[in-house]
């Protein structure tokens, strides 16, 4: 996990509509950058729907929500449509941002070691500096937790 007080690594990734987004596009706004393992799985859906439910409060506070996984643009589009997600989902199949933010790690799944995304959420301030970082977050509690920080 990256240290609080350090500059957040910039990235350029496509969203669920194929439009490119760079972290520097959001300077001047707070960014909730959350990394999740896979579209349309129970924990990831609970987390995304939690952010969607609270989305008006995040926008009231001037924050942007960006969800990142290694799923494809097409998978993100389906995920967005299935649950009416009002925020940006970024596709990172090459693991560029995922590795830059140190969330691609060894995981123990049913006694087998595999590499995967550790559910992690960063709060990045208006100047592109990491203000808060949470790893191994609880999917259902994370949206409320992040809203309280703003």
N, C-alpha and C. Protein backbone atom coordinates (compact mmCIF):
# COMPACT_ATOMS: atom_id res chain seq x y z
N UNK A 1 0.85 -1.18 0.00
CA UNK A 1 0.00 0.00 0.00
C UNK A 1 0.89 1.24 0.00
N UNK A 2 0.46 2.25 -0.71
CA UNK A 2 1.24 3.48 -0.80
C UNK A 2 1.08 4.32 0.47
N UNK A 3 2.11 5.11 0.76
CA UNK A 3 2.11 5.90 1.98
C UNK A 3 1.27 7.16 1.88
N UNK A 4 0.62 7.49 2.99
CA UNK A 4 -0.13 8.74 3.10
C UNK A 4 0.87 9.88 3.01
N UNK A 5 0.50 10.93 2.29
CA UNK A 5 1.37 12.09 2.14
C UNK A 5 2.24 12.05 0.90
N UNK A 6 2.21 10.92 0.17
CA UNK A 6 2.98 10.84 -1.07
C UNK A 6 2.09 11.18 -2.27
N UNK A 7 2.73 11.57 -3.35
CA UNK A 7 1.97 11.85 -4.57
C UNK A 7 1.37 10.57 -5.11
N UNK A 8 0.10 10.63 -5.48
CA UNK A 8 -0.56 9.47 -6.07
C UNK A 8 -0.04 9.27 -7.49
N UNK A 9 0.33 8.04 -7.84
CA UNK A 9 0.81 7.80 -9.21
C UNK A 9 -0.26 8.14 -10.24
N UNK A 10 0.15 8.83 -11.30
CA UNK A 10 -0.80 9.15 -12.36
C UNK A 10 -1.01 7.91 -13.22
N UNK A 11 -2.11 7.86 -13.91
CA UNK A 11 -2.43 6.76 -14.82
C UNK A 11 -3.35 7.30 -15.90
N UNK A 12 -3.45 6.57 -16.98
CA UNK A 12 -4.43 6.86 -18.03
C UNK A 12 -5.06 5.53 -18.41
N UNK A 13 -6.37 5.42 -18.14
CA UNK A 13 -7.10 4.17 -18.37
C UNK A 13 -8.45 4.45 -19.01
N UNK A 14 -8.99 3.49 -19.77
CA UNK A 14 -10.32 3.66 -20.37
C UNK A 14 -11.43 3.35 -19.36
N UNK A 15 -12.54 4.10 -19.49
CA UNK A 15 -13.70 3.83 -18.63
C UNK A 15 -14.64 2.84 -19.33
N UNK A 16 -15.82 2.65 -18.74
CA UNK A 16 -16.78 1.68 -19.26
C UNK A 16 -17.33 2.08 -20.63
N UNK A 17 -17.08 3.31 -21.07
CA UNK A 17 -17.51 3.76 -22.40
C UNK A 17 -16.34 3.88 -23.36
N UNK A 18 -15.15 3.49 -22.91
CA UNK A 18 -13.97 3.56 -23.76
C UNK A 18 -13.27 4.91 -23.75
N UNK A 19 -13.78 5.87 -22.96
CA UNK A 19 -13.13 7.19 -22.87
C UNK A 19 -11.95 7.11 -21.91
N UNK A 20 -10.89 7.81 -22.24
CA UNK A 20 -9.68 7.76 -21.42
C UNK A 20 -9.77 8.75 -20.25
N UNK A 21 -9.28 8.31 -19.11
CA UNK A 21 -9.24 9.14 -17.90
C UNK A 21 -7.83 9.07 -17.33
N UNK A 22 -7.37 10.23 -16.87
CA UNK A 22 -6.08 10.32 -16.21
C UNK A 22 -6.33 10.89 -14.82
N UNK A 23 -5.55 10.48 -13.84
CA UNK A 23 -5.74 11.01 -12.49
C UNK A 23 -5.58 12.53 -12.49
N UNK A 24 -4.64 13.03 -13.29
CA UNK A 24 -4.41 14.48 -13.28
C UNK A 24 -5.61 15.27 -13.82
N UNK A 25 -6.54 14.59 -14.51
CA UNK A 25 -7.78 15.25 -14.97
C UNK A 25 -8.63 15.72 -13.79
N UNK A 26 -8.38 15.14 -12.63
CA UNK A 26 -9.22 15.40 -11.46
C UNK A 26 -8.55 16.31 -10.43
N UNK A 27 -7.45 16.96 -10.81
CA UNK A 27 -6.81 17.91 -9.88
C UNK A 27 -7.83 18.97 -9.50
N UNK A 28 -7.78 19.36 -8.24
CA UNK A 28 -8.74 20.35 -7.74
C UNK A 28 -9.97 19.70 -7.12
N UNK A 29 -10.07 18.37 -7.21
CA UNK A 29 -11.19 17.64 -6.61
C UNK A 29 -10.64 16.47 -5.79
N UNK A 30 -11.39 16.09 -4.78
CA UNK A 30 -11.03 14.89 -4.01
C UNK A 30 -11.43 13.67 -4.84
N UNK A 31 -10.60 12.64 -4.79
CA UNK A 31 -10.86 11.42 -5.55
C UNK A 31 -10.90 10.22 -4.61
N UNK A 32 -11.98 9.46 -4.70
CA UNK A 32 -12.07 8.17 -4.03
C UNK A 32 -11.65 7.18 -5.12
N UNK A 33 -10.48 6.60 -4.96
CA UNK A 33 -9.95 5.64 -5.94
C UNK A 33 -10.00 4.27 -5.28
N UNK A 34 -10.92 3.43 -5.77
CA UNK A 34 -11.02 2.11 -5.13
C UNK A 34 -10.74 1.00 -6.13
N UNK A 35 -9.96 0.05 -5.66
CA UNK A 35 -9.56 -1.11 -6.45
C UNK A 35 -10.35 -2.32 -5.95
N UNK A 36 -10.94 -3.04 -6.88
CA UNK A 36 -11.76 -4.20 -6.51
C UNK A 36 -11.43 -5.38 -7.43
N UNK A 37 -11.64 -6.61 -6.94
CA UNK A 37 -11.20 -7.78 -7.69
C UNK A 37 -11.94 -8.07 -9.01
N UNK A 38 -13.29 -8.03 -9.03
CA UNK A 38 -13.98 -8.50 -10.22
C UNK A 38 -15.42 -7.98 -10.32
N UNK A 39 -15.77 -7.55 -11.54
CA UNK A 39 -17.15 -7.11 -11.81
C UNK A 39 -18.14 -8.24 -11.52
N UNK A 40 -19.34 -7.84 -11.08
CA UNK A 40 -20.47 -8.76 -10.93
C UNK A 40 -20.24 -9.91 -9.95
N UNK A 41 -19.37 -9.72 -8.97
CA UNK A 41 -19.24 -10.70 -7.89
C UNK A 41 -19.89 -10.09 -6.65
N UNK A 42 -20.22 -10.91 -5.68
CA UNK A 42 -21.04 -10.42 -4.56
C UNK A 42 -20.42 -9.26 -3.79
N UNK A 43 -19.17 -9.39 -3.37
CA UNK A 43 -18.53 -8.32 -2.60
C UNK A 43 -18.35 -7.05 -3.43
N UNK A 44 -17.92 -7.22 -4.66
CA UNK A 44 -17.67 -6.06 -5.54
C UNK A 44 -18.98 -5.36 -5.88
N UNK A 45 -20.04 -6.13 -6.05
CA UNK A 45 -21.35 -5.55 -6.33
C UNK A 45 -21.85 -4.78 -5.11
N UNK A 46 -21.68 -5.35 -3.92
CA UNK A 46 -22.11 -4.67 -2.69
C UNK A 46 -21.37 -3.34 -2.52
N UNK A 47 -20.07 -3.35 -2.78
CA UNK A 47 -19.28 -2.13 -2.65
C UNK A 47 -19.72 -1.09 -3.68
N UNK A 48 -19.84 -1.51 -4.94
CA UNK A 48 -20.24 -0.58 -6.01
C UNK A 48 -21.63 -0.01 -5.75
N UNK A 49 -22.56 -0.86 -5.35
CA UNK A 49 -23.93 -0.38 -5.08
C UNK A 49 -23.96 0.56 -3.88
N UNK A 50 -23.10 0.33 -2.90
CA UNK A 50 -22.98 1.25 -1.76
C UNK A 50 -22.51 2.62 -2.21
N UNK A 51 -21.49 2.64 -3.08
CA UNK A 51 -21.03 3.92 -3.61
C UNK A 51 -22.13 4.58 -4.45
N UNK A 52 -22.86 3.79 -5.22
CA UNK A 52 -23.94 4.32 -6.06
C UNK A 52 -25.04 4.95 -5.21
N UNK A 53 -25.40 4.27 -4.13
CA UNK A 53 -26.45 4.75 -3.23
C UNK A 53 -26.08 6.09 -2.59
N UNK A 54 -24.81 6.23 -2.23
CA UNK A 54 -24.34 7.45 -1.57
C UNK A 54 -23.78 8.49 -2.56
N UNK A 55 -23.84 8.17 -3.83
CA UNK A 55 -23.23 9.03 -4.86
C UNK A 55 -23.64 10.50 -4.76
N UNK A 56 -24.93 10.82 -4.54
CA UNK A 56 -25.29 12.25 -4.42
C UNK A 56 -24.55 12.96 -3.29
N UNK A 57 -24.32 12.27 -2.17
CA UNK A 57 -23.59 12.89 -1.05
C UNK A 57 -22.11 13.09 -1.38
N UNK A 58 -21.54 12.15 -2.14
CA UNK A 58 -20.14 12.31 -2.56
C UNK A 58 -20.01 13.52 -3.49
N UNK A 59 -20.94 13.65 -4.44
CA UNK A 59 -20.86 14.77 -5.38
C UNK A 59 -21.12 16.10 -4.68
N UNK A 60 -22.03 16.10 -3.69
CA UNK A 60 -22.27 17.31 -2.89
C UNK A 60 -20.99 17.80 -2.23
N UNK A 61 -20.16 16.85 -1.82
CA UNK A 61 -18.90 17.19 -1.15
C UNK A 61 -17.76 17.40 -2.16
N UNK A 62 -18.09 17.37 -3.44
CA UNK A 62 -17.11 17.64 -4.48
C UNK A 62 -16.15 16.49 -4.78
N UNK A 63 -16.52 15.28 -4.38
CA UNK A 63 -15.63 14.13 -4.60
C UNK A 63 -16.01 13.35 -5.85
N UNK A 64 -15.00 12.75 -6.46
CA UNK A 64 -15.16 11.90 -7.63
C UNK A 64 -14.89 10.46 -7.18
N UNK A 65 -15.66 9.51 -7.70
CA UNK A 65 -15.44 8.10 -7.40
C UNK A 65 -14.93 7.42 -8.66
N UNK A 66 -13.80 6.72 -8.52
CA UNK A 66 -13.24 5.94 -9.62
C UNK A 66 -13.01 4.52 -9.12
N UNK A 67 -13.67 3.55 -9.76
CA UNK A 67 -13.47 2.15 -9.43
C UNK A 67 -12.54 1.52 -10.46
N UNK A 68 -11.58 0.72 -10.02
CA UNK A 68 -10.60 0.11 -10.92
C UNK A 68 -10.53 -1.40 -10.69
N UNK A 69 -10.59 -2.16 -11.78
CA UNK A 69 -10.30 -3.60 -11.72
C UNK A 69 -9.62 -3.97 -13.03
N UNK A 70 -9.19 -5.23 -13.13
CA UNK A 70 -8.52 -5.65 -14.35
C UNK A 70 -9.52 -6.14 -15.41
N UNK A 71 -10.81 -6.01 -15.12
CA UNK A 71 -11.83 -6.40 -16.09
C UNK A 71 -11.79 -5.49 -17.32
N UNK A 72 -12.37 -5.98 -18.41
CA UNK A 72 -12.38 -5.24 -19.68
C UNK A 72 -13.39 -4.10 -19.67
N UNK A 73 -13.28 -3.23 -20.65
CA UNK A 73 -14.24 -2.13 -20.84
C UNK A 73 -15.65 -2.73 -20.98
N UNK A 74 -15.79 -3.79 -21.78
CA UNK A 74 -17.10 -4.42 -22.00
C UNK A 74 -17.68 -4.97 -20.70
N UNK A 75 -16.85 -5.59 -19.88
CA UNK A 75 -17.29 -6.12 -18.59
C UNK A 75 -17.76 -4.98 -17.68
N UNK A 76 -17.00 -3.89 -17.66
CA UNK A 76 -17.39 -2.71 -16.86
C UNK A 76 -18.72 -2.14 -17.34
N UNK A 77 -18.93 -2.10 -18.65
CA UNK A 77 -20.18 -1.56 -19.21
C UNK A 77 -21.36 -2.40 -18.72
N UNK A 78 -21.21 -3.72 -18.76
CA UNK A 78 -22.26 -4.62 -18.30
C UNK A 78 -22.53 -4.42 -16.82
N UNK A 79 -21.46 -4.29 -16.03
CA UNK A 79 -21.56 -4.08 -14.58
C UNK A 79 -22.31 -2.77 -14.31
N UNK A 80 -21.93 -1.72 -15.02
CA UNK A 80 -22.60 -0.42 -14.88
C UNK A 80 -24.09 -0.55 -15.19
N UNK A 81 -24.41 -1.20 -16.29
CA UNK A 81 -25.81 -1.33 -16.72
C UNK A 81 -26.62 -2.22 -15.77
N UNK A 82 -26.02 -3.32 -15.31
CA UNK A 82 -26.73 -4.23 -14.40
C UNK A 82 -27.17 -3.54 -13.12
N UNK A 83 -26.38 -2.60 -12.63
CA UNK A 83 -26.66 -2.00 -11.32
C UNK A 83 -26.88 -0.49 -11.36
N UNK A 84 -26.93 0.10 -12.54
CA UNK A 84 -27.17 1.54 -12.65
C UNK A 84 -26.10 2.37 -11.96
N UNK A 85 -24.85 1.99 -12.13
CA UNK A 85 -23.75 2.69 -11.44
C UNK A 85 -23.52 4.06 -12.06
N UNK A 86 -23.56 5.13 -11.24
CA UNK A 86 -23.45 6.49 -11.77
C UNK A 86 -22.02 7.05 -11.82
N UNK A 87 -21.03 6.22 -11.51
CA UNK A 87 -19.65 6.72 -11.45
C UNK A 87 -18.77 5.96 -12.45
N UNK A 88 -17.54 6.38 -12.55
CA UNK A 88 -16.60 5.86 -13.53
C UNK A 88 -15.93 4.57 -13.06
N UNK A 89 -15.93 3.59 -13.96
CA UNK A 89 -15.20 2.33 -13.74
C UNK A 89 -14.06 2.30 -14.75
N UNK A 90 -12.86 2.07 -14.27
CA UNK A 90 -11.69 2.07 -15.14
C UNK A 90 -11.17 0.65 -15.36
N UNK A 91 -10.90 0.33 -16.62
CA UNK A 91 -10.39 -0.99 -17.00
C UNK A 91 -8.86 -0.96 -17.01
N UNK A 92 -8.26 -1.89 -16.27
CA UNK A 92 -6.80 -1.96 -16.19
C UNK A 92 -6.31 -3.40 -16.41
N UNK A 93 -6.60 -3.97 -17.61
CA UNK A 93 -6.19 -5.36 -17.85
C UNK A 93 -4.67 -5.54 -17.89
N UNK A 94 -3.94 -4.47 -18.15
CA UNK A 94 -2.46 -4.55 -18.17
C UNK A 94 -1.85 -4.36 -16.78
N UNK A 95 -2.70 -4.09 -15.78
CA UNK A 95 -2.29 -3.93 -14.38
C UNK A 95 -1.40 -2.70 -14.13
N UNK A 96 -1.46 -1.70 -15.00
CA UNK A 96 -0.58 -0.52 -14.86
C UNK A 96 -0.86 0.22 -13.55
N UNK A 97 -2.10 0.67 -13.34
CA UNK A 97 -2.45 1.38 -12.11
C UNK A 97 -2.49 0.42 -10.93
N UNK A 98 -2.99 -0.78 -11.17
CA UNK A 98 -3.10 -1.78 -10.10
C UNK A 98 -1.73 -2.04 -9.46
N UNK A 99 -0.71 -2.17 -10.29
CA UNK A 99 0.63 -2.39 -9.73
C UNK A 99 1.23 -1.10 -9.17
N UNK A 100 0.97 0.04 -9.83
CA UNK A 100 1.50 1.32 -9.33
C UNK A 100 0.97 1.63 -7.93
N UNK A 101 -0.26 1.19 -7.63
CA UNK A 101 -0.87 1.44 -6.32
C UNK A 101 -0.66 0.27 -5.36
N UNK A 102 0.18 -0.69 -5.77
CA UNK A 102 0.58 -1.80 -4.91
C UNK A 102 -0.59 -2.62 -4.39
N UNK A 103 -1.59 -2.88 -5.24
CA UNK A 103 -2.74 -3.68 -4.82
C UNK A 103 -2.76 -5.07 -5.48
N UNK A 104 -1.79 -5.36 -6.36
CA UNK A 104 -1.67 -6.68 -6.97
C UNK A 104 -0.75 -7.50 -6.07
N UNK A 105 -1.34 -8.41 -5.31
CA UNK A 105 -0.58 -9.12 -4.30
C UNK A 105 -0.96 -10.59 -4.26
N UNK A 106 -0.12 -11.35 -3.57
CA UNK A 106 -0.42 -12.76 -3.38
C UNK A 106 -1.58 -12.88 -2.40
N UNK A 107 -2.54 -13.72 -2.78
CA UNK A 107 -3.70 -13.96 -1.93
C UNK A 107 -3.80 -15.46 -1.69
N UNK A 108 -4.41 -15.80 -0.58
CA UNK A 108 -4.60 -17.20 -0.24
C UNK A 108 -6.08 -17.53 -0.42
N UNK A 109 -6.40 -18.26 -1.49
CA UNK A 109 -7.80 -18.62 -1.77
C UNK A 109 -7.98 -20.11 -1.54
N UNK A 110 -8.70 -20.47 -0.50
CA UNK A 110 -8.99 -21.87 -0.19
C UNK A 110 -7.71 -22.71 -0.14
N UNK A 111 -6.69 -22.16 0.48
CA UNK A 111 -5.44 -22.87 0.65
C UNK A 111 -4.49 -22.79 -0.55
N UNK A 112 -4.94 -22.16 -1.62
CA UNK A 112 -4.10 -21.99 -2.82
C UNK A 112 -3.62 -20.56 -2.91
N UNK A 113 -2.36 -20.39 -3.20
CA UNK A 113 -1.82 -19.04 -3.35
C UNK A 113 -2.01 -18.59 -4.80
N UNK A 114 -2.61 -17.41 -4.97
CA UNK A 114 -2.82 -16.84 -6.29
C UNK A 114 -2.50 -15.35 -6.22
N UNK A 115 -2.28 -14.74 -7.37
CA UNK A 115 -2.09 -13.30 -7.43
C UNK A 115 -3.44 -12.66 -7.75
N UNK A 116 -3.71 -11.54 -7.11
CA UNK A 116 -4.97 -10.86 -7.37
C UNK A 116 -4.98 -9.49 -6.73
N UNK A 117 -6.09 -8.79 -6.95
CA UNK A 117 -6.27 -7.45 -6.39
C UNK A 117 -6.74 -7.57 -4.94
N UNK A 118 -6.03 -6.90 -4.06
CA UNK A 118 -6.46 -6.78 -2.67
C UNK A 118 -7.36 -5.54 -2.62
N UNK A 119 -8.60 -5.73 -2.18
CA UNK A 119 -9.57 -4.63 -2.15
C UNK A 119 -8.99 -3.47 -1.33
N UNK A 120 -8.73 -2.36 -1.99
CA UNK A 120 -8.04 -1.22 -1.39
C UNK A 120 -8.71 0.07 -1.85
N UNK A 121 -8.81 1.04 -0.95
CA UNK A 121 -9.39 2.34 -1.29
C UNK A 121 -8.47 3.45 -0.84
N UNK A 122 -8.23 4.38 -1.76
CA UNK A 122 -7.42 5.56 -1.49
C UNK A 122 -8.29 6.81 -1.56
N UNK A 123 -8.04 7.75 -0.65
CA UNK A 123 -8.60 9.09 -0.75
C UNK A 123 -7.45 9.98 -1.19
N UNK A 124 -7.61 10.59 -2.36
CA UNK A 124 -6.58 11.45 -2.92
C UNK A 124 -7.09 12.89 -2.86
N UNK A 125 -6.27 13.79 -2.32
CA UNK A 125 -6.72 15.17 -2.14
C UNK A 125 -6.67 15.96 -3.45
N UNK A 126 -7.06 17.22 -3.36
CA UNK A 126 -7.17 18.10 -4.54
C UNK A 126 -5.84 18.33 -5.25
N UNK A 127 -4.73 18.07 -4.55
CA UNK A 127 -3.40 18.28 -5.14
C UNK A 127 -2.76 16.98 -5.64
N UNK A 128 -3.53 15.88 -5.61
CA UNK A 128 -3.01 14.61 -6.08
C UNK A 128 -2.16 13.88 -5.07
N UNK A 129 -2.36 14.19 -3.78
CA UNK A 129 -1.60 13.55 -2.71
C UNK A 129 -2.51 12.56 -1.98
N UNK A 130 -1.95 11.42 -1.62
CA UNK A 130 -2.72 10.41 -0.90
C UNK A 130 -2.99 10.90 0.52
N UNK A 131 -4.27 11.10 0.83
CA UNK A 131 -4.67 11.60 2.14
C UNK A 131 -4.99 10.45 3.11
N UNK A 132 -5.58 9.37 2.58
CA UNK A 132 -5.92 8.19 3.39
C UNK A 132 -5.78 6.96 2.51
N UNK A 133 -5.49 5.84 3.13
CA UNK A 133 -5.37 4.57 2.40
C UNK A 133 -5.88 3.44 3.29
N UNK A 134 -6.70 2.58 2.72
CA UNK A 134 -7.26 1.45 3.44
C UNK A 134 -7.09 0.20 2.60
N UNK A 135 -6.45 -0.83 3.17
CA UNK A 135 -6.33 -2.10 2.44
C UNK A 135 -7.21 -3.14 3.11
N UNK A 136 -7.52 -4.19 2.37
CA UNK A 136 -8.39 -5.27 2.85
C UNK A 136 -9.68 -4.69 3.44
N UNK A 137 -10.27 -3.74 2.72
CA UNK A 137 -11.49 -3.08 3.20
C UNK A 137 -12.68 -4.03 3.15
N UNK A 138 -13.64 -3.79 4.00
CA UNK A 138 -14.89 -4.54 3.99
C UNK A 138 -15.80 -3.88 2.95
N UNK A 139 -16.18 -4.65 1.95
CA UNK A 139 -16.91 -4.13 0.78
C UNK A 139 -18.16 -3.34 1.15
N UNK A 140 -18.97 -3.88 2.05
CA UNK A 140 -20.25 -3.23 2.39
C UNK A 140 -20.05 -1.96 3.20
N UNK A 141 -19.00 -1.91 4.01
CA UNK A 141 -18.79 -0.76 4.90
C UNK A 141 -17.98 0.36 4.26
N UNK A 142 -17.23 0.06 3.23
CA UNK A 142 -16.30 1.02 2.64
C UNK A 142 -16.93 2.32 2.14
N UNK A 143 -18.06 2.28 1.41
CA UNK A 143 -18.62 3.55 0.94
C UNK A 143 -18.97 4.53 2.07
N UNK A 144 -19.61 4.04 3.12
CA UNK A 144 -19.97 4.86 4.27
C UNK A 144 -18.70 5.39 4.96
N UNK A 145 -17.70 4.52 5.11
CA UNK A 145 -16.43 4.88 5.72
C UNK A 145 -15.77 6.05 4.95
N UNK A 146 -15.80 5.97 3.62
CA UNK A 146 -15.17 7.01 2.81
C UNK A 146 -15.96 8.31 2.87
N UNK A 147 -17.28 8.22 2.89
CA UNK A 147 -18.11 9.43 2.97
C UNK A 147 -17.83 10.19 4.25
N UNK A 148 -17.67 9.47 5.35
CA UNK A 148 -17.38 10.11 6.65
C UNK A 148 -16.05 10.85 6.65
N UNK A 149 -15.10 10.40 5.82
CA UNK A 149 -13.78 11.05 5.75
C UNK A 149 -13.81 12.40 5.05
N UNK A 150 -14.79 12.61 4.20
CA UNK A 150 -14.80 13.84 3.38
C UNK A 150 -15.16 15.08 4.16
